[in-house]
């Protein structure tokens, strides 16, 4: 397989640190940089794969929200008391606010 040369520019301090780390790993600088970049790419791809479903849900929710008609009435005014409580409870779960019955924040 043919090799391709990639040229990078960095400050002297970073270059020296990379040389030192490559030496400690028993590698030349090129092999060390290829190893580090390949490892980072694999980690990034694994994270992206793990969160792809969540990212898809967020994208669909944002698209649905953009399609909703604009309203001048505050959303809370259009909700029933039960709906308002459910929203407050959900926000409490997401934001970590104290929830009724959890005993958080109370002296023992």
N, C-alpha and C. Protein backbone atom coordinates (compact mmCIF):
# COMPACT_ATOMS: atom_id res chain seq x y z
N UNK A 1 0.85 -1.18 0.00
CA UNK A 1 0.00 0.00 0.00
C UNK A 1 0.89 1.24 0.00
N UNK A 2 0.58 2.17 -0.90
CA UNK A 2 1.35 3.40 -1.00
C UNK A 2 1.07 4.29 0.21
N UNK A 3 2.10 4.95 0.65
CA UNK A 3 1.95 5.85 1.79
C UNK A 3 1.78 7.28 1.29
N UNK A 4 1.05 8.08 2.07
CA UNK A 4 0.82 9.49 1.76
C UNK A 4 1.45 10.32 2.85
N UNK A 5 2.12 11.36 2.45
CA UNK A 5 2.76 12.25 3.42
C UNK A 5 1.79 13.38 3.75
N UNK A 6 1.64 13.66 5.04
CA UNK A 6 0.84 14.78 5.52
C UNK A 6 1.76 15.68 6.32
N UNK A 7 1.74 16.93 6.01
CA UNK A 7 2.59 17.89 6.71
C UNK A 7 1.74 18.65 7.72
N UNK A 8 2.26 18.80 8.93
CA UNK A 8 1.56 19.58 9.95
C UNK A 8 2.50 20.65 10.49
N UNK A 9 1.92 21.69 11.01
CA UNK A 9 2.69 22.75 11.65
C UNK A 9 2.21 22.89 13.08
N UNK A 10 3.13 22.99 14.00
CA UNK A 10 2.78 23.17 15.40
C UNK A 10 3.91 23.89 16.10
N UNK A 11 3.60 24.42 17.24
CA UNK A 11 4.64 25.17 17.96
C UNK A 11 5.66 24.19 18.55
N UNK A 12 6.82 24.72 18.87
CA UNK A 12 7.95 23.92 19.35
C UNK A 12 7.60 23.13 20.61
N UNK A 13 6.85 23.72 21.51
CA UNK A 13 6.50 23.05 22.77
C UNK A 13 5.68 21.79 22.50
N UNK A 14 4.68 21.89 21.62
CA UNK A 14 3.87 20.71 21.30
C UNK A 14 4.71 19.66 20.58
N UNK A 15 5.57 20.11 19.66
CA UNK A 15 6.41 19.17 18.93
C UNK A 15 7.30 18.39 19.89
N UNK A 16 7.87 19.05 20.84
CA UNK A 16 8.76 18.38 21.80
C UNK A 16 7.98 17.39 22.66
N UNK A 17 6.81 17.78 23.10
CA UNK A 17 5.98 16.87 23.91
C UNK A 17 5.62 15.61 23.11
N UNK A 18 5.28 15.80 21.83
CA UNK A 18 4.94 14.65 20.98
C UNK A 18 6.15 13.75 20.82
N UNK A 19 7.32 14.32 20.58
CA UNK A 19 8.55 13.52 20.46
C UNK A 19 8.81 12.72 21.73
N UNK A 20 8.65 13.37 22.87
CA UNK A 20 8.88 12.68 24.16
C UNK A 20 7.90 11.52 24.35
N UNK A 21 6.62 11.75 24.06
CA UNK A 21 5.63 10.69 24.21
C UNK A 21 5.89 9.55 23.23
N UNK A 22 6.26 9.88 22.01
CA UNK A 22 6.57 8.85 21.01
C UNK A 22 7.75 8.01 21.48
N UNK A 23 8.76 8.66 21.99
CA UNK A 23 9.94 7.95 22.49
C UNK A 23 9.58 7.01 23.63
N UNK A 24 8.78 7.50 24.58
CA UNK A 24 8.36 6.66 25.71
C UNK A 24 7.56 5.45 25.24
N UNK A 25 6.81 5.63 24.15
CA UNK A 25 6.01 4.54 23.61
C UNK A 25 6.84 3.62 22.70
N UNK A 26 8.09 3.97 22.48
CA UNK A 26 8.95 3.17 21.63
C UNK A 26 8.59 3.29 20.16
N UNK A 27 8.10 4.45 19.76
CA UNK A 27 7.66 4.67 18.38
C UNK A 27 8.35 5.90 17.81
N UNK A 28 8.43 5.94 16.47
CA UNK A 28 8.86 7.19 15.86
C UNK A 28 7.67 8.15 15.84
N UNK A 29 7.92 9.40 15.58
CA UNK A 29 6.86 10.42 15.66
C UNK A 29 5.73 10.12 14.69
N UNK A 30 6.05 9.70 13.47
CA UNK A 30 5.00 9.41 12.49
C UNK A 30 4.09 8.29 12.97
N UNK A 31 4.68 7.20 13.43
CA UNK A 31 3.89 6.06 13.90
C UNK A 31 3.05 6.46 15.11
N UNK A 32 3.63 7.27 15.99
CA UNK A 32 2.91 7.71 17.18
C UNK A 32 1.71 8.57 16.81
N UNK A 33 1.90 9.50 15.88
CA UNK A 33 0.79 10.37 15.47
C UNK A 33 -0.30 9.58 14.75
N UNK A 34 0.08 8.61 13.92
CA UNK A 34 -0.91 7.78 13.25
C UNK A 34 -1.69 6.97 14.28
N UNK A 35 -0.97 6.40 15.26
CA UNK A 35 -1.62 5.63 16.31
C UNK A 35 -2.59 6.52 17.10
N UNK A 36 -2.14 7.70 17.50
CA UNK A 36 -2.99 8.60 18.30
C UNK A 36 -4.22 9.05 17.50
N UNK A 37 -4.02 9.39 16.24
CA UNK A 37 -5.15 9.84 15.43
C UNK A 37 -6.13 8.70 15.18
N UNK A 38 -5.62 7.51 14.89
CA UNK A 38 -6.48 6.36 14.65
C UNK A 38 -7.28 6.01 15.90
N UNK A 39 -6.63 6.06 17.03
CA UNK A 39 -7.32 5.78 18.30
C UNK A 39 -8.43 6.82 18.56
N UNK A 40 -8.12 8.09 18.31
CA UNK A 40 -9.11 9.15 18.51
C UNK A 40 -10.28 8.99 17.56
N UNK A 41 -10.00 8.62 16.31
CA UNK A 41 -11.08 8.43 15.34
C UNK A 41 -11.99 7.28 15.76
N UNK A 42 -11.39 6.18 16.23
CA UNK A 42 -12.19 5.03 16.67
C UNK A 42 -13.07 5.41 17.86
N UNK A 43 -12.51 6.17 18.80
CA UNK A 43 -13.27 6.61 19.97
C UNK A 43 -14.43 7.51 19.56
N UNK A 44 -14.16 8.46 18.67
CA UNK A 44 -15.19 9.38 18.20
C UNK A 44 -16.30 8.62 17.47
N UNK A 45 -15.92 7.69 16.61
CA UNK A 45 -16.92 6.91 15.87
C UNK A 45 -17.78 6.07 16.81
N UNK A 46 -17.15 5.50 17.85
CA UNK A 46 -17.91 4.69 18.81
C UNK A 46 -18.92 5.56 19.56
N UNK A 47 -18.51 6.75 19.95
CA UNK A 47 -19.40 7.67 20.65
C UNK A 47 -20.54 8.10 19.73
N UNK A 48 -20.21 8.45 18.50
CA UNK A 48 -21.24 8.86 17.54
C UNK A 48 -22.24 7.74 17.32
N UNK A 49 -21.75 6.50 17.21
CA UNK A 49 -22.65 5.35 17.01
C UNK A 49 -23.55 5.15 18.23
N UNK A 50 -22.96 5.29 19.41
CA UNK A 50 -23.72 5.10 20.65
C UNK A 50 -24.84 6.12 20.79
N UNK A 51 -24.59 7.35 20.35
CA UNK A 51 -25.58 8.41 20.51
C UNK A 51 -26.38 8.70 19.25
N UNK A 52 -26.22 7.91 18.21
CA UNK A 52 -26.93 8.16 16.94
C UNK A 52 -28.45 8.14 17.15
N UNK A 53 -28.95 7.21 17.95
CA UNK A 53 -30.39 7.14 18.19
C UNK A 53 -30.90 8.38 18.89
N UNK A 54 -30.18 8.83 19.89
CA UNK A 54 -30.58 10.04 20.63
C UNK A 54 -30.50 11.25 19.71
N UNK A 55 -29.43 11.33 18.92
CA UNK A 55 -29.30 12.46 18.00
C UNK A 55 -30.45 12.48 17.00
N UNK A 56 -30.88 11.29 16.54
CA UNK A 56 -32.01 11.21 15.63
C UNK A 56 -33.30 11.68 16.28
N UNK A 57 -33.51 11.26 17.53
CA UNK A 57 -34.70 11.71 18.26
C UNK A 57 -34.72 13.23 18.42
N UNK A 58 -33.58 13.79 18.76
CA UNK A 58 -33.49 15.24 18.94
C UNK A 58 -33.77 15.94 17.62
N UNK A 59 -33.20 15.46 16.53
CA UNK A 59 -33.42 16.09 15.23
C UNK A 59 -34.89 16.03 14.84
N UNK A 60 -35.54 14.88 15.08
CA UNK A 60 -36.97 14.78 14.75
C UNK A 60 -37.80 15.71 15.63
N UNK A 61 -37.48 15.78 16.92
CA UNK A 61 -38.22 16.66 17.82
C UNK A 61 -38.05 18.12 17.42
N UNK A 62 -36.84 18.50 17.04
CA UNK A 62 -36.61 19.88 16.62
C UNK A 62 -37.39 20.19 15.34
N UNK A 63 -37.41 19.23 14.41
CA UNK A 63 -38.16 19.44 13.17
C UNK A 63 -39.65 19.58 13.46
N UNK A 64 -40.16 18.74 14.35
CA UNK A 64 -41.58 18.83 14.73
C UNK A 64 -41.88 20.17 15.41
N UNK A 65 -40.98 20.61 16.27
CA UNK A 65 -41.18 21.88 16.97
C UNK A 65 -41.19 23.05 15.99
N UNK A 66 -40.33 23.00 14.98
CA UNK A 66 -40.30 24.08 13.99
C UNK A 66 -41.58 24.11 13.17
N UNK A 67 -42.22 22.96 13.00
CA UNK A 67 -43.45 22.88 12.20
C UNK A 67 -44.68 23.34 12.98
N UNK A 68 -44.55 23.47 14.29
CA UNK A 68 -45.70 23.91 15.09
C UNK A 68 -46.02 25.37 14.80
N UNK A 69 -47.31 25.71 14.85
CA UNK A 69 -47.67 27.11 14.61
C UNK A 69 -47.21 27.98 15.78
N UNK A 70 -46.86 29.20 15.45
CA UNK A 70 -46.46 30.15 16.48
C UNK A 70 -47.68 30.53 17.31
N UNK A 71 -47.47 30.77 18.58
CA UNK A 71 -48.57 31.16 19.45
C UNK A 71 -48.15 32.36 20.29
N UNK A 72 -49.07 33.23 20.56
CA UNK A 72 -48.78 34.37 21.41
C UNK A 72 -49.20 34.08 22.84
N UNK A 73 -49.99 33.03 23.02
CA UNK A 73 -50.47 32.65 24.34
C UNK A 73 -49.39 31.84 25.05
N UNK A 74 -49.06 32.17 26.29
CA UNK A 74 -48.08 31.35 27.02
C UNK A 74 -48.57 29.91 27.09
N UNK A 75 -47.65 28.97 26.88
CA UNK A 75 -48.01 27.56 26.86
C UNK A 75 -48.65 27.12 28.17
N UNK A 76 -48.19 27.66 29.28
CA UNK A 76 -48.73 27.24 30.56
C UNK A 76 -50.21 27.62 30.70
N UNK A 77 -50.64 28.69 30.05
CA UNK A 77 -52.04 29.09 30.14
C UNK A 77 -52.95 28.13 29.39
N UNK A 78 -52.42 27.45 28.38
CA UNK A 78 -53.21 26.52 27.59
C UNK A 78 -53.26 25.13 28.21
N UNK A 79 -52.48 24.90 29.26
CA UNK A 79 -52.42 23.58 29.88
C UNK A 79 -53.42 23.46 31.02
N UNK A 80 -53.84 22.22 31.21
CA UNK A 80 -54.66 21.94 32.39
C UNK A 80 -53.73 21.88 33.59
N UNK A 81 -54.30 21.90 34.77
CA UNK A 81 -53.49 21.81 35.99
C UNK A 81 -52.70 20.50 36.01
N UNK A 82 -53.31 19.42 35.59
CA UNK A 82 -52.63 18.12 35.55
C UNK A 82 -51.45 18.16 34.59
N UNK A 83 -51.65 18.75 33.40
CA UNK A 83 -50.57 18.86 32.43
C UNK A 83 -49.43 19.71 32.97
N UNK A 84 -49.79 20.81 33.64
CA UNK A 84 -48.76 21.68 34.21
C UNK A 84 -47.92 20.94 35.23
N UNK A 85 -48.57 20.15 36.11
CA UNK A 85 -47.85 19.37 37.12
C UNK A 85 -46.95 18.34 36.46
N UNK A 86 -47.44 17.70 35.40
CA UNK A 86 -46.63 16.70 34.69
C UNK A 86 -45.38 17.33 34.07
N UNK A 87 -45.56 18.52 33.50
CA UNK A 87 -44.42 19.23 32.92
C UNK A 87 -43.43 19.61 34.00
N UNK A 88 -43.91 20.13 35.11
CA UNK A 88 -43.02 20.51 36.22
C UNK A 88 -42.27 19.29 36.75
N UNK A 89 -42.96 18.17 36.86
CA UNK A 89 -42.32 16.94 37.33
C UNK A 89 -41.25 16.47 36.35
N UNK A 90 -41.55 16.52 35.06
CA UNK A 90 -40.58 16.11 34.05
C UNK A 90 -39.35 17.02 34.08
N UNK A 91 -39.58 18.33 34.19
CA UNK A 91 -38.46 19.25 34.29
C UNK A 91 -37.63 18.99 35.54
N UNK A 92 -38.30 18.65 36.62
CA UNK A 92 -37.59 18.31 37.85
C UNK A 92 -36.68 17.11 37.66
N UNK A 93 -37.16 16.12 36.92
CA UNK A 93 -36.33 14.94 36.64
C UNK A 93 -35.13 15.30 35.78
N UNK A 94 -35.36 16.11 34.77
CA UNK A 94 -34.29 16.49 33.85
C UNK A 94 -33.28 17.40 34.52
N UNK A 95 -33.76 18.37 35.24
CA UNK A 95 -32.88 19.37 35.85
C UNK A 95 -32.37 18.98 37.22
N UNK A 96 -32.87 17.88 37.76
CA UNK A 96 -32.40 17.43 39.06
C UNK A 96 -32.99 18.20 40.22
N UNK A 97 -34.10 18.86 40.00
CA UNK A 97 -34.74 19.61 41.08
C UNK A 97 -35.33 18.65 42.10
N UNK A 98 -35.53 19.13 43.31
CA UNK A 98 -36.13 18.31 44.36
C UNK A 98 -37.52 17.89 43.94
N UNK A 99 -37.80 16.61 44.11
CA UNK A 99 -39.13 16.08 43.75
C UNK A 99 -39.87 15.74 45.03
N UNK A 100 -41.18 15.92 45.04
CA UNK A 100 -41.97 15.57 46.23
C UNK A 100 -41.78 14.10 46.58
N UNK A 101 -41.62 13.84 47.87
CA UNK A 101 -41.51 12.47 48.34
C UNK A 101 -40.13 11.88 48.28
N UNK A 102 -39.13 12.61 47.77
CA UNK A 102 -37.78 12.05 47.67
C UNK A 102 -37.00 12.26 48.95
N UNK A 103 -37.40 13.24 49.74
CA UNK A 103 -36.69 13.51 50.99
C UNK A 103 -35.41 14.27 50.80
N UNK A 104 -35.07 14.65 49.56
CA UNK A 104 -33.85 15.39 49.32
C UNK A 104 -33.95 16.77 49.94
N UNK A 105 -32.87 17.20 50.53
CA UNK A 105 -32.81 18.55 51.06
C UNK A 105 -33.43 18.69 52.44
N UNK A 106 -33.86 17.58 53.01
CA UNK A 106 -34.49 17.65 54.34
C UNK A 106 -33.53 17.11 55.39
N UNK A 107 -33.54 17.71 56.57
CA UNK A 107 -32.70 17.24 57.66
C UNK A 107 -33.22 15.92 58.19
N UNK A 108 -32.31 15.04 58.55
CA UNK A 108 -32.70 13.74 59.07
C UNK A 108 -33.05 13.80 60.53
